[in-house]
Amino acid sequence: MILSYHPCFEADMNIICAGREPQHNDLQAIKQADAVILPQGCRESLYQMARANCGHVFPNYDARFTYKEKIGQIHLFKKTGILYPHTNTYPDIDSFYKTHGNPPAETGLIFPCIFKFNWGGEGSTVFYVKSLSTFMDVLEKAAGFEKTGQYGFLIQEYIPANNRTLRVVVINKKIITYWRINENPDNVIVTLSKGAHIDKSADPELQESASVETKKFCKKTGLNLAGIDFIFSPELKPLILEINYFFGRRGLGGSESYYQILCMEIYNWLNNIGLSFEQKR
């Protein structure tokens, strides 16, 4: 029996768990299932229940819930050995001051740099920092966030990337790559929400090298549904920036196209694990 919690994938049994914690009836259904299909936005409680009580769960979010948020991802990159820009992580402002002094000494920091809060998407909590005075302004934002219970940030080496990043989308075994390019040279943080456009054809050899690294990374982590961002070193080696478990669909042709790809890859995943399942019409 195939159990689906995903509203766009129809299986033998279909349950919606949005906006609530999993309950006893969910546990009973999961225990009876040969495979469980979860939505991208599933709660950790539902995921852990599924993983503990069913041998086959899609997607594999072990890395997402073990290495949480951006600081956790840096620890995952270190563990797997994938290349990434030099990064220092700080659980709070106090830990930063213990390392760099209060006020921090400019000699202990290298500018420009990239300042990232531990949360956020679409570049909303990422800042290009050119000087100590600008850095202190961002650190003041961090102090404000800590008053509301939001902690953690990282300081990352700035690597010139010609105002573009490569998105590598992983959907089961399918890999889709495309560039996001910002024509405004003053806008270092490249996101579609800030005016970048999509280019699927530029530098295919670089796209392929990032795809190869992504496949190695996914083999080590089990990751099979995510949008992964890369830039390239001066030597043109792919450097991973972050994993996006919620990702935009414009580069995939829109939501309808994405869900068609997703459903087909779920069928492929089921067949690959020996659970033949006819596609619902």
Protein backbone atom coordinates (compact mmCIF):
# COMPACT_ATOMS: atom_id res chain seq x y z
CA MET A 1 0.00 0.00 0.00
CA ILE A 2 1.32 3.44 -0.97
CA LEU A 3 0.38 6.26 1.41
CA SER A 4 0.53 9.87 0.20
CA TYR A 5 0.47 13.04 2.27
CA HIS A 6 1.21 15.09 -0.82
CA PRO A 7 -1.92 16.83 -2.19
CA CYS A 8 -0.65 16.53 -5.79
CA PHE A 9 0.22 12.84 -5.70
CA GLU A 10 -2.68 10.39 -5.59
CA ALA A 11 -1.83 7.00 -4.09
CA ASP A 12 -3.68 4.05 -2.56
CA MET A 13 -4.36 6.04 0.59
CA ASN A 14 -4.29 9.84 0.77
CA ILE A 15 -4.14 11.93 3.94
CA ILE A 16 -3.65 15.66 4.44
CA CYS A 17 -1.65 16.68 7.50
CA ALA A 18 -1.22 20.40 6.76
CA GLY A 19 -1.58 22.67 9.78
CA ARG A 20 -1.66 19.91 12.38
CA GLU A 21 0.56 17.49 14.22
CA PRO A 22 0.41 13.83 13.20
CA GLN A 23 -1.96 11.74 15.30
CA HIS A 24 -2.56 8.08 16.17
CA ASN A 25 -4.45 7.42 12.93
CA ASP A 26 -1.45 8.74 10.98
CA LEU A 27 0.83 6.34 12.82
CA GLN A 28 -1.46 3.40 12.07
CA ALA A 29 -1.61 4.30 8.37
CA ILE A 30 2.16 4.72 8.15
CA LYS A 31 2.76 1.34 9.80
CA GLN A 32 0.55 -0.31 7.18
CA ALA A 33 2.24 1.43 4.25
CA ASP A 34 4.97 0.01 2.03
CA ALA A 35 6.01 3.57 1.13
CA VAL A 36 5.09 7.06 2.31
CA ILE A 37 5.10 10.17 0.10
CA LEU A 38 5.43 13.45 2.00
CA PRO A 39 4.99 17.08 0.90
CA GLN A 40 7.93 19.48 0.82
CA GLY A 41 6.47 21.39 3.73
CA CYS A 42 5.99 18.45 6.06
CA ARG A 43 6.65 18.97 9.74
CA GLU A 44 9.61 17.29 11.35
CA SER A 45 7.23 15.34 13.60
CA LEU A 46 5.49 13.76 10.60
CA TYR A 47 8.79 13.03 8.88
CA GLN A 48 10.29 11.35 11.93
CA MET A 49 7.13 9.32 12.45
CA ALA A 50 7.29 8.12 8.86
CA ARG A 51 11.03 7.36 8.97
CA ALA A 52 10.67 5.38 12.20
CA ASN A 53 7.74 3.27 11.03
CA CYS A 54 8.13 2.78 7.28
CA GLY A 55 11.13 1.54 5.32
CA HIS A 56 10.55 3.78 2.30
CA VAL A 57 9.89 7.53 2.62
CA PHE A 58 10.06 10.19 -0.09
CA PRO A 59 11.59 12.74 0.03
CA ASN A 60 14.64 11.92 2.11
CA TYR A 61 14.89 14.78 4.59
CA ASP A 62 17.42 13.25 6.97
CA ALA A 63 19.91 16.03 6.19
CA ARG A 64 17.27 18.75 6.43
CA PHE A 65 16.26 17.84 9.97
CA THR A 66 19.71 16.78 11.21
CA TYR A 67 21.65 19.76 9.84
CA LYS A 68 19.15 22.54 10.35
CA GLU A 69 19.19 25.97 8.78
CA LYS A 70 22.25 27.61 7.25
CA ILE A 71 24.68 26.95 10.08
CA GLY A 72 23.70 23.29 10.09
CA GLN A 73 24.30 23.14 6.35
CA ILE A 74 27.86 24.38 6.80
CA HIS A 75 28.46 21.50 9.22
CA LEU A 76 27.01 19.13 6.60
CA PHE A 77 29.32 20.54 3.91
CA LYS A 78 32.31 20.02 6.18
CA LYS A 79 31.28 16.46 6.98
CA THR A 80 30.77 15.43 3.36
CA GLY A 81 33.85 17.21 2.02
CA ILE A 82 32.06 19.17 -0.69
CA LEU A 83 33.79 22.46 -1.57
CA TYR A 84 32.26 25.71 -0.30
CA PRO A 85 33.45 29.28 0.34
CA HIS A 86 35.40 29.72 3.57
CA THR A 87 32.81 30.31 6.28
CA ASN A 88 32.77 31.09 10.01
CA THR A 89 29.58 30.42 11.97
CA TYR A 90 28.35 32.10 15.14
CA PRO A 91 25.42 30.94 17.29
CA ASP A 92 24.96 34.47 18.64
CA ILE A 93 26.54 37.93 18.89
CA ASP A 94 28.34 37.12 22.14
CA SER A 95 30.26 34.30 20.48
CA PHE A 96 31.25 36.69 17.69
CA TYR A 97 32.54 39.28 20.18
CA LYS A 98 34.52 36.63 22.06
CA THR A 99 36.36 35.87 18.82
CA HIS A 100 36.74 39.36 17.35
CA GLY A 101 36.44 41.71 20.33
CA ASN A 102 33.84 44.32 21.23
CA PRO A 103 33.99 46.45 19.19
CA PRO A 104 35.51 44.06 16.67
CA ALA A 105 38.95 44.77 15.28
CA GLU A 106 38.87 45.40 11.55
CA THR A 107 42.07 43.41 11.15
CA GLY A 108 40.22 40.27 12.21
CA LEU A 109 37.73 40.53 9.37
CA ILE A 110 38.23 40.47 5.63
CA PHE A 111 36.15 42.80 3.48
CA PRO A 112 34.19 42.51 1.35
CA CYS A 113 32.41 39.52 2.82
CA ILE A 114 28.96 37.96 2.83
CA PHE A 115 26.90 38.08 6.01
CA LYS A 116 24.07 35.54 6.26
CA PHE A 117 21.55 35.11 8.99
CA ASN A 118 20.79 31.52 9.96
CA TRP A 119 17.35 31.65 8.34
CA GLY A 120 15.53 33.22 5.41
CA GLY A 121 15.25 32.70 1.68
CA GLU A 122 15.45 34.53 -1.65
CA GLY A 123 18.37 36.57 -0.35
CA SER A 124 16.21 38.39 2.21
CA THR A 125 18.69 37.79 5.04
CA VAL A 126 21.94 37.91 3.04
CA PHE A 127 24.12 41.03 2.92
CA TYR A 128 27.14 42.07 0.91
CA VAL A 129 29.40 43.86 3.42
CA LYS A 130 32.15 46.16 2.15
CA SER A 131 33.44 47.78 5.34
CA LEU A 132 33.51 47.56 9.11
CA SER A 133 30.94 50.35 9.44
CA THR A 134 28.53 48.48 7.17
CA PHE A 135 29.27 45.30 9.09
CA MET A 136 28.33 46.99 12.37
CA ASP A 137 25.02 48.06 10.84
CA VAL A 138 24.22 44.46 9.98
CA LEU A 139 25.38 43.31 13.41
CA GLU A 140 22.87 45.76 14.87
CA LYS A 141 20.18 43.96 12.88
CA ALA A 142 21.40 40.72 14.46
CA ALA A 143 20.99 42.25 17.91
CA GLY A 144 17.41 43.17 17.03
CA PHE A 145 16.69 39.65 15.84
CA GLU A 146 18.10 38.15 19.03
CA LYS A 147 15.59 40.19 21.05
CA THR A 148 12.85 38.28 19.22
CA GLY A 149 14.51 34.90 19.77
CA GLN A 150 16.17 34.52 16.36
CA TYR A 151 19.83 33.60 16.75
CA GLY A 152 22.78 32.73 14.59
CA PHE A 153 24.65 34.03 11.58
CA LEU A 154 27.62 33.23 9.42
CA ILE A 155 30.34 35.25 7.71
CA GLN A 156 31.37 33.90 4.36
CA GLU A 157 34.24 34.63 2.02
CA TYR A 158 33.19 36.82 -0.89
CA ILE A 159 34.02 35.26 -4.23
CA PRO A 160 33.32 37.34 -7.36
CA ALA A 161 30.84 35.38 -9.44
CA ASN A 162 29.98 37.77 -12.30
CA ASN A 163 26.61 38.43 -10.69
CA ARG A 164 25.32 34.94 -11.26
CA THR A 165 24.67 31.72 -9.37
CA LEU A 166 23.87 28.25 -10.64
CA ARG A 167 20.76 26.51 -9.34
CA VAL A 168 20.84 22.73 -9.44
CA VAL A 169 17.44 21.18 -8.80
CA VAL A 170 17.34 17.58 -7.58
CA ILE A 171 14.09 15.65 -7.98
CA ASN A 172 14.82 12.00 -7.23
CA LYS A 173 17.37 11.08 -9.93
CA LYS A 174 16.53 13.99 -12.20
CA ILE A 175 18.94 16.94 -12.24
CA ILE A 176 17.91 20.30 -13.74
CA THR A 177 20.36 23.21 -13.90
CA TYR A 178 20.05 26.87 -14.80
CA TRP A 179 21.83 30.15 -14.14
CA ARG A 180 20.31 33.09 -12.33
CA ILE A 181 21.97 36.21 -13.68
CA ASN A 182 21.66 39.78 -12.44
CA GLU A 183 22.57 42.44 -14.98
CA ASN A 184 22.93 45.12 -12.29
CA PRO A 185 26.62 45.07 -11.24
CA ASP A 186 25.74 46.75 -7.93
CA ASN A 187 23.44 43.92 -6.89
CA VAL A 188 25.82 41.21 -5.67
CA ILE A 189 23.10 39.06 -4.08
CA VAL A 190 21.59 37.22 -7.04
CA THR A 191 17.98 36.11 -6.73
CA LEU A 192 15.01 36.12 -9.07
CA SER A 193 13.11 38.22 -6.53
CA LYS A 194 15.74 40.94 -6.96
CA GLY A 195 15.59 41.10 -10.74
CA ALA A 196 17.78 38.23 -11.90
CA HIS A 197 16.85 36.35 -15.06
CA ILE A 198 17.20 32.70 -15.99
CA ASP A 199 19.71 31.34 -18.49
CA LYS A 200 19.69 27.60 -19.15
CA SER A 201 22.31 27.46 -21.90
CA ALA A 202 25.38 29.43 -20.75
CA ASP A 203 28.58 27.55 -19.87
CA PRO A 204 27.24 23.99 -20.14
CA GLU A 205 30.57 22.58 -18.95
CA LEU A 206 30.22 24.44 -15.65
CA GLN A 207 26.64 23.27 -15.31
CA GLU A 208 27.82 19.72 -15.84
CA SER A 209 30.62 20.01 -13.26
CA ALA A 210 28.13 21.24 -10.64
CA SER A 211 25.76 18.40 -11.57
CA VAL A 212 28.54 15.87 -11.00
CA GLU A 213 29.31 17.32 -7.56
CA THR A 214 25.61 17.38 -6.73
CA LYS A 215 25.24 13.68 -7.54
CA LYS A 216 28.20 12.85 -5.29
CA PHE A 217 26.73 15.01 -2.53
CA CYS A 218 23.30 13.41 -2.84
CA LYS A 219 24.82 9.93 -2.71
CA LYS A 220 26.51 10.80 0.59
CA THR A 221 23.50 12.52 2.15
CA GLY A 222 20.49 10.73 0.63
CA LEU A 223 19.15 14.10 -0.52
CA ASN A 224 16.60 13.68 -3.32
CA LEU A 225 14.46 16.82 -3.38
CA ALA A 226 16.07 20.26 -3.17
CA GLY A 227 17.36 23.29 -5.03
CA ILE A 228 21.11 23.64 -4.47
CA ASP A 229 23.01 26.84 -5.23
CA PHE A 230 26.58 27.02 -6.54
CA ILE A 231 29.12 29.62 -7.53
CA PHE A 232 32.53 28.93 -9.04
CA SER A 233 36.01 29.59 -7.70
CA PRO A 234 38.61 31.51 -9.76
CA GLU A 235 39.83 28.04 -10.81
CA LEU A 236 36.24 27.27 -11.95
CA LYS A 237 35.62 24.67 -9.28
CA PRO A 238 31.96 24.48 -8.15
CA LEU A 239 31.44 25.79 -4.62
CA ILE A 240 28.19 24.98 -2.87
CA LEU A 241 26.41 27.90 -1.20
CA GLU A 242 23.28 26.44 0.33
CA ILE A 243 20.47 23.92 0.10
CA ASN A 244 16.93 25.17 -0.50
CA TYR A 245 14.26 22.70 0.55
CA PHE A 246 11.64 25.15 -0.68
CA PHE A 247 12.58 26.46 -4.10
CA GLY A 248 11.04 28.52 -6.86
CA ARG A 249 9.64 26.88 -9.98
CA ARG A 250 10.18 29.52 -12.66
CA GLY A 251 13.34 27.80 -13.83
CA LEU A 252 11.38 24.55 -14.07
CA GLY A 253 8.64 25.97 -16.26
CA GLY A 254 6.24 26.94 -13.50
CA SER A 255 4.30 25.04 -10.85
CA GLU A 256 2.34 22.81 -13.23
CA SER A 257 5.51 21.67 -14.96
CA TYR A 258 7.23 21.11 -11.62
CA TYR A 259 4.42 18.93 -10.27
CA GLN A 260 4.41 16.86 -13.46
CA ILE A 261 8.14 16.24 -13.05
CA LEU A 262 7.74 15.54 -9.33
CA CYS A 263 4.95 13.00 -9.79
CA MET A 264 6.83 11.21 -12.57
CA GLU A 265 9.94 11.01 -10.41
CA ILE A 266 7.93 9.67 -7.47
CA TYR A 267 6.67 6.89 -9.76
CA ASN A 268 10.27 6.25 -10.84
CA TRP A 269 11.36 6.17 -7.18
CA LEU A 270 8.62 3.66 -6.32
CA ASN A 271 9.53 1.44 -9.24
CA ASN A 272 13.21 1.65 -8.34
CA ILE A 273 12.55 0.31 -4.83
CA GLY A 274 10.46 -2.52 -6.27
CA LEU A 275 6.99 -1.12 -5.61
CA SER A 276 5.30 -1.13 -8.99
CA PHE A 277 2.61 1.51 -9.01
CA GLU A 278 0.40 2.59 -11.89
CA GLN A 279 0.23 6.31 -12.60
CA LYS A 280 -3.13 7.81 -11.68
CA ARG A 281 -4.91 9.63 -14.47
